[in-house]
Amino acid sequence: MNDPHLHARILSRPELMAPVRAMMCELAMRIGMDESQCGHIALAMDEALTNIIRHGYQNDPDSHIWISVWELENPKGLRIQMDDLAPHVELEKLKGRELDDIRPGGLGVHLIYSLMDTVRFSKRPQGGMRLTVEKFHAQALTDPDLKLSNPPH
């Protein structure tokens, strides 16, 4: 994979989530995504960062999260990768709970899968977890002539 178009390291502090959301929306708008798609990206980022901060780092405000972003050309879209150094989580546990299990919380992973076109959780060999998500331009999802190399689920 080529170098990311954007690479940032942030501290695991909730007050940094709003600037990250704004940055992701601005990038998405610049490549022609609409307001709805920007909102999907922002909400998915919010859920992912909340999970890293709350569950991965146990609310430690001085841990690091690395965010890398690539602009995709064919199909047009964004790939966002978030890396942390939190303890490994078994990948089968990173599934949203059943929607008919009505209770507060626990829907973050389900929302990420619902809002983004591709979602991949993985363990980093050097420690920590990696979440890679992709959101494609609406045209890429409706144009039968475009071939998706990693089709949305």
C-alpha atoms as a PDB file:
ATOM      1  CA  MET A   1       0.000   0.000   0.000  1.00  0.00           C
ATOM      2  CA  ASN A   2       1.309   3.455  -0.870  1.00  0.00           C
ATOM      3  CA  ASP A   3       2.003   6.102   1.729  1.00  0.00           C
ATOM      4  CA  PRO A   4      -1.198   7.599   3.129  1.00  0.00           C
ATOM      5  CA  HIS A   5      -2.370  10.978   1.893  1.00  0.00           C
ATOM      6  CA  LEU A   6      -2.822  11.948   5.537  1.00  0.00           C
ATOM      7  CA  HIS A   7      -1.263  10.478   8.648  1.00  0.00           C
ATOM      8  CA  ALA A   8      -1.940  11.779  12.160  1.00  0.00           C
ATOM      9  CA  ARG A   9      -1.259  10.683  15.715  1.00  0.00           C
ATOM     10  CA  ILE A  10      -3.685  11.827  18.375  1.00  0.00           C
ATOM     11  CA  LEU A  11      -3.913  11.288  22.098  1.00  0.00           C
ATOM     12  CA  SER A  12      -6.776   9.117  23.323  1.00  0.00           C
ATOM     13  CA  ARG A  13      -8.866  12.041  24.516  1.00  0.00           C
ATOM     14  CA  PRO A  14     -12.564  12.434  23.686  1.00  0.00           C
ATOM     15  CA  GLU A  15     -12.193  16.181  23.050  1.00  0.00           C
ATOM     16  CA  LEU A  16     -10.038  15.369  19.989  1.00  0.00           C
ATOM     17  CA  MET A  17     -12.818  13.414  18.300  1.00  0.00           C
ATOM     18  CA  ALA A  18     -14.640  16.507  16.961  1.00  0.00           C
ATOM     19  CA  PRO A  19     -11.601  17.852  15.068  1.00  0.00           C
ATOM     20  CA  VAL A  20     -10.957  14.368  13.618  1.00  0.00           C
ATOM     21  CA  ARG A  21     -14.606  14.133  12.474  1.00  0.00           C
ATOM     22  CA  ALA A  22     -14.370  17.584  10.872  1.00  0.00           C
ATOM     23  CA  MET A  23     -11.149  16.665   9.077  1.00  0.00           C
ATOM     24  CA  MET A  24     -12.633  13.413   7.707  1.00  0.00           C
ATOM     25  CA  CYS A  25     -15.782  15.222   6.513  1.00  0.00           C
ATOM     26  CA  GLU A  26     -13.706  17.887   4.790  1.00  0.00           C
ATOM     27  CA  LEU A  27     -11.634  15.238   2.997  1.00  0.00           C
ATOM     28  CA  ALA A  28     -14.780  13.371   1.944  1.00  0.00           C
ATOM     29  CA  MET A  29     -16.429  16.555   0.627  1.00  0.00           C
ATOM     30  CA  ARG A  30     -13.299  17.396  -1.387  1.00  0.00           C
ATOM     31  CA  ILE A  31     -13.568  14.127  -3.299  1.00  0.00           C
ATOM     32  CA  GLY A  32     -17.251  14.696  -4.034  1.00  0.00           C
ATOM     33  CA  MET A  33     -19.037  12.773  -1.316  1.00  0.00           C
ATOM     34  CA  ASP A  34     -22.353  14.181  -0.194  1.00  0.00           C
ATOM     35  CA  GLU A  35     -23.384  15.325   3.263  1.00  0.00           C
ATOM     36  CA  SER A  36     -24.979  11.980   4.094  1.00  0.00           C
ATOM     37  CA  GLN A  37     -21.806  10.055   3.264  1.00  0.00           C
ATOM     38  CA  CYS A  38     -19.752  12.530   5.318  1.00  0.00           C
ATOM     39  CA  GLY A  39     -22.109  11.949   8.225  1.00  0.00           C
ATOM     40  CA  HIS A  40     -21.656   8.192   7.903  1.00  0.00           C
ATOM     41  CA  ILE A  41     -17.874   8.554   7.982  1.00  0.00           C
ATOM     42  CA  ALA A  42     -18.024  10.926  10.968  1.00  0.00           C
ATOM     43  CA  LEU A  43     -20.305   8.639  12.984  1.00  0.00           C
ATOM     44  CA  ALA A  44     -18.231   5.539  12.180  1.00  0.00           C
ATOM     45  CA  MET A  45     -15.054   7.383  13.223  1.00  0.00           C
ATOM     46  CA  ASP A  46     -16.750   8.521  16.416  1.00  0.00           C
ATOM     47  CA  GLU A  47     -17.779   4.970  17.304  1.00  0.00           C
ATOM     48  CA  ALA A  48     -14.352   3.539  16.486  1.00  0.00           C
ATOM     49  CA  LEU A  49     -12.449   6.179  18.459  1.00  0.00           C
ATOM     50  CA  THR A  50     -14.846   5.837  21.398  1.00  0.00           C
ATOM     51  CA  ASN A  51     -14.255   2.082  21.462  1.00  0.00           C
ATOM     52  CA  ILE A  52     -10.474   2.524  21.342  1.00  0.00           C
ATOM     53  CA  ILE A  53     -10.491   5.138  24.105  1.00  0.00           C
ATOM     54  CA  ARG A  54     -13.062   3.494  26.384  1.00  0.00           C
ATOM     55  CA  HIS A  55     -12.449  -0.211  25.890  1.00  0.00           C
ATOM     56  CA  GLY A  56      -8.949  -0.455  24.463  1.00  0.00           C
ATOM     57  CA  TYR A  57      -7.201   2.165  26.571  1.00  0.00           C
ATOM     58  CA  GLN A  58      -9.593   2.124  29.567  1.00  0.00           C
ATOM     59  CA  ASN A  59      -9.970   5.943  29.283  1.00  0.00           C
ATOM     60  CA  ASP A  60      -6.218   6.590  29.626  1.00  0.00           C
ATOM     61  CA  PRO A  61      -5.918  10.087  28.067  1.00  0.00           C
ATOM     62  CA  ASP A  62      -2.218   9.757  27.254  1.00  0.00           C
ATOM     63  CA  SER A  63      -2.245   6.746  24.923  1.00  0.00           C
ATOM     64  CA  HIS A  64      -1.855   7.172  21.169  1.00  0.00           C
ATOM     65  CA  ILE A  65      -4.093   6.491  18.195  1.00  0.00           C
ATOM     66  CA  TRP A  66      -2.701   6.654  14.668  1.00  0.00           C
ATOM     67  CA  ILE A  67      -5.024   7.605  11.827  1.00  0.00           C
ATOM     68  CA  SER A  68      -4.032   7.138   8.185  1.00  0.00           C
ATOM     69  CA  VAL A  69      -6.188   8.113   5.214  1.00  0.00           C
ATOM     70  CA  TRP A  70      -5.887   7.240   1.545  1.00  0.00           C
ATOM     71  CA  GLU A  71      -7.933   8.733  -1.274  1.00  0.00           C
ATOM     72  CA  LEU A  72      -9.079   5.862  -3.485  1.00  0.00           C
ATOM     73  CA  GLU A  73      -9.369   6.302  -7.230  1.00  0.00           C
ATOM     74  CA  ASN A  74     -11.066   3.178  -8.576  1.00  0.00           C
ATOM     75  CA  PRO A  75     -13.586   3.117  -7.111  1.00  0.00           C
ATOM     76  CA  LYS A  76     -13.492   6.670  -5.809  1.00  0.00           C
ATOM     77  CA  GLY A  77     -13.604   6.868  -2.032  1.00  0.00           C
ATOM     78  CA  LEU A  78     -11.615   6.974   1.196  1.00  0.00           C
ATOM     79  CA  ARG A  79      -9.754   4.295   3.143  1.00  0.00           C
ATOM     80  CA  ILE A  80      -9.274   5.135   6.822  1.00  0.00           C
ATOM     81  CA  GLN A  81      -7.035   3.084   9.066  1.00  0.00           C
ATOM     82  CA  MET A  82      -6.909   3.463  12.850  1.00  0.00           C
ATOM     83  CA  ASP A  83      -4.118   1.806  14.823  1.00  0.00           C
ATOM     84  CA  ASP A  84      -3.678   1.568  18.574  1.00  0.00           C
ATOM     85  CA  LEU A  85      -1.457  -0.178  21.088  1.00  0.00           C
ATOM     86  CA  ALA A  86      -4.280  -1.423  23.294  1.00  0.00           C
ATOM     87  CA  PRO A  87      -4.372  -5.084  24.328  1.00  0.00           C
ATOM     88  CA  HIS A  88      -5.395  -7.503  21.588  1.00  0.00           C
ATOM     89  CA  VAL A  89      -9.074  -8.353  21.345  1.00  0.00           C
ATOM     90  CA  GLU A  90     -10.230 -11.662  19.912  1.00  0.00           C
ATOM     91  CA  LEU A  91     -11.603 -10.816  16.471  1.00  0.00           C
ATOM     92  CA  GLU A  92     -14.765 -12.879  16.972  1.00  0.00           C
ATOM     93  CA  LYS A  93     -15.626 -10.587  19.906  1.00  0.00           C
ATOM     94  CA  LEU A  94     -15.616  -7.559  17.589  1.00  0.00           C
ATOM     95  CA  LYS A  95     -19.120  -8.159  16.323  1.00  0.00           C
ATOM     96  CA  GLY A  96     -22.079  -6.017  17.222  1.00  0.00           C
ATOM     97  CA  ARG A  97     -24.538  -7.585  19.603  1.00  0.00           C
ATOM     98  CA  GLU A  98     -27.875  -8.793  18.322  1.00  0.00           C
ATOM     99  CA  LEU A  99     -30.205  -5.878  17.584  1.00  0.00           C
ATOM    100  CA  ASP A 100     -33.104  -7.560  19.340  1.00  0.00           C
ATOM    101  CA  ASP A 101     -31.048  -7.526  22.559  1.00  0.00           C
ATOM    102  CA  ILE A 102     -32.516  -4.216  23.698  1.00  0.00           C
ATOM    103  CA  ARG A 103     -30.321  -2.414  26.222  1.00  0.00           C
ATOM    104  CA  PRO A 104     -28.145   0.694  26.282  1.00  0.00           C
ATOM    105  CA  GLY A 105     -24.759   0.691  24.543  1.00  0.00           C
ATOM    106  CA  GLY A 106     -22.961  -1.985  22.605  1.00  0.00           C
ATOM    107  CA  LEU A 107     -23.996  -0.887  19.115  1.00  0.00           C
ATOM    108  CA  GLY A 108     -20.746   0.796  18.031  1.00  0.00           C
ATOM    109  CA  VAL A 109     -19.370  -2.121  16.014  1.00  0.00           C
ATOM    110  CA  HIS A 110     -22.783  -2.737  14.446  1.00  0.00           C
ATOM    111  CA  LEU A 111     -22.967   0.942  13.430  1.00  0.00           C
ATOM    112  CA  ILE A 112     -19.487   0.879  11.899  1.00  0.00           C
ATOM    113  CA  TYR A 113     -20.439  -2.140   9.756  1.00  0.00           C
ATOM    114  CA  SER A 114     -23.727  -0.471   8.785  1.00  0.00           C
ATOM    115  CA  LEU A 115     -22.231   2.903   7.870  1.00  0.00           C
ATOM    116  CA  MET A 116     -19.087   1.919   5.988  1.00  0.00           C
ATOM    117  CA  ASP A 117     -18.735  -0.092   2.778  1.00  0.00           C
ATOM    118  CA  THR A 118     -15.849  -2.282   3.969  1.00  0.00           C
ATOM    119  CA  VAL A 119     -14.710  -2.977   7.539  1.00  0.00           C
ATOM    120  CA  ARG A 120     -11.683  -5.024   8.637  1.00  0.00           C
ATOM    121  CA  PHE A 121     -10.463  -5.525  12.196  1.00  0.00           C
ATOM    122  CA  SER A 122      -7.040  -7.084  12.692  1.00  0.00           C
ATOM    123  CA  LYS A 123      -4.405  -7.609  15.340  1.00  0.00           C
ATOM    124  CA  ARG A 124      -1.166  -5.733  14.787  1.00  0.00           C
ATOM    125  CA  PRO A 125       1.870  -8.044  15.080  1.00  0.00           C
ATOM    126  CA  GLN A 126       3.740  -5.390  17.077  1.00  0.00           C
ATOM    127  CA  GLY A 127       0.826  -5.109  19.513  1.00  0.00           C
ATOM    128  CA  GLY A 128      -2.491  -3.357  19.446  1.00  0.00           C
ATOM    129  CA  MET A 129      -5.371  -3.441  17.027  1.00  0.00           C
ATOM    130  CA  ARG A 130      -6.058  -2.072  13.544  1.00  0.00           C
ATOM    131  CA  LEU A 131      -9.385  -1.042  12.059  1.00  0.00           C
ATOM    132  CA  THR A 132      -9.528  -0.334   8.329  1.00  0.00           C
ATOM    133  CA  VAL A 133     -12.733   1.053   6.847  1.00  0.00           C
ATOM    134  CA  GLU A 134     -13.615   2.235   3.375  1.00  0.00           C
ATOM    135  CA  LYS A 135     -16.387   4.462   2.106  1.00  0.00           C
ATOM    136  CA  PHE A 136     -16.989   4.675  -1.620  1.00  0.00           C
ATOM    137  CA  HIS A 137     -18.460   7.550  -3.583  1.00  0.00           C
ATOM    138  CA  ALA A 138     -22.178   6.933  -4.181  1.00  0.00           C
ATOM    139  CA  GLN A 139     -21.567   6.618  -7.948  1.00  0.00           C
ATOM    140  CA  ALA A 140     -19.163   3.714  -7.329  1.00  0.00           C
ATOM    141  CA  LEU A 141     -21.941   1.789  -5.623  1.00  0.00           C
ATOM    142  CA  THR A 142     -24.547   2.353  -8.347  1.00  0.00           C
ATOM    143  CA  ASP A 143     -22.506   2.363 -11.588  1.00  0.00           C
ATOM    144  CA  PRO A 144     -22.500  -1.186 -13.040  1.00  0.00           C
ATOM    145  CA  ASP A 145     -19.467  -0.307 -15.205  1.00  0.00           C
ATOM    146  CA  LEU A 146     -17.268   0.307 -12.172  1.00  0.00           C
ATOM    147  CA  LYS A 147     -15.557  -2.775 -10.797  1.00  0.00           C
ATOM    148  CA  LEU A 148     -14.948  -2.787  -7.061  1.00  0.00           C
ATOM    149  CA  SER A 149     -11.678  -4.462  -6.165  1.00  0.00           C
ATOM    150  CA  ASN A 150     -12.952  -4.968  -2.618  1.00  0.00           C
ATOM    151  CA  PRO A 151     -16.735  -4.897  -2.956  1.00  0.00           C
ATOM    152  CA  PRO A 152     -18.821  -3.589  -0.094  1.00  0.00           C
ATOM    153  CA  HIS A 153     -20.538  -6.188   2.082  1.00  0.00           C
END
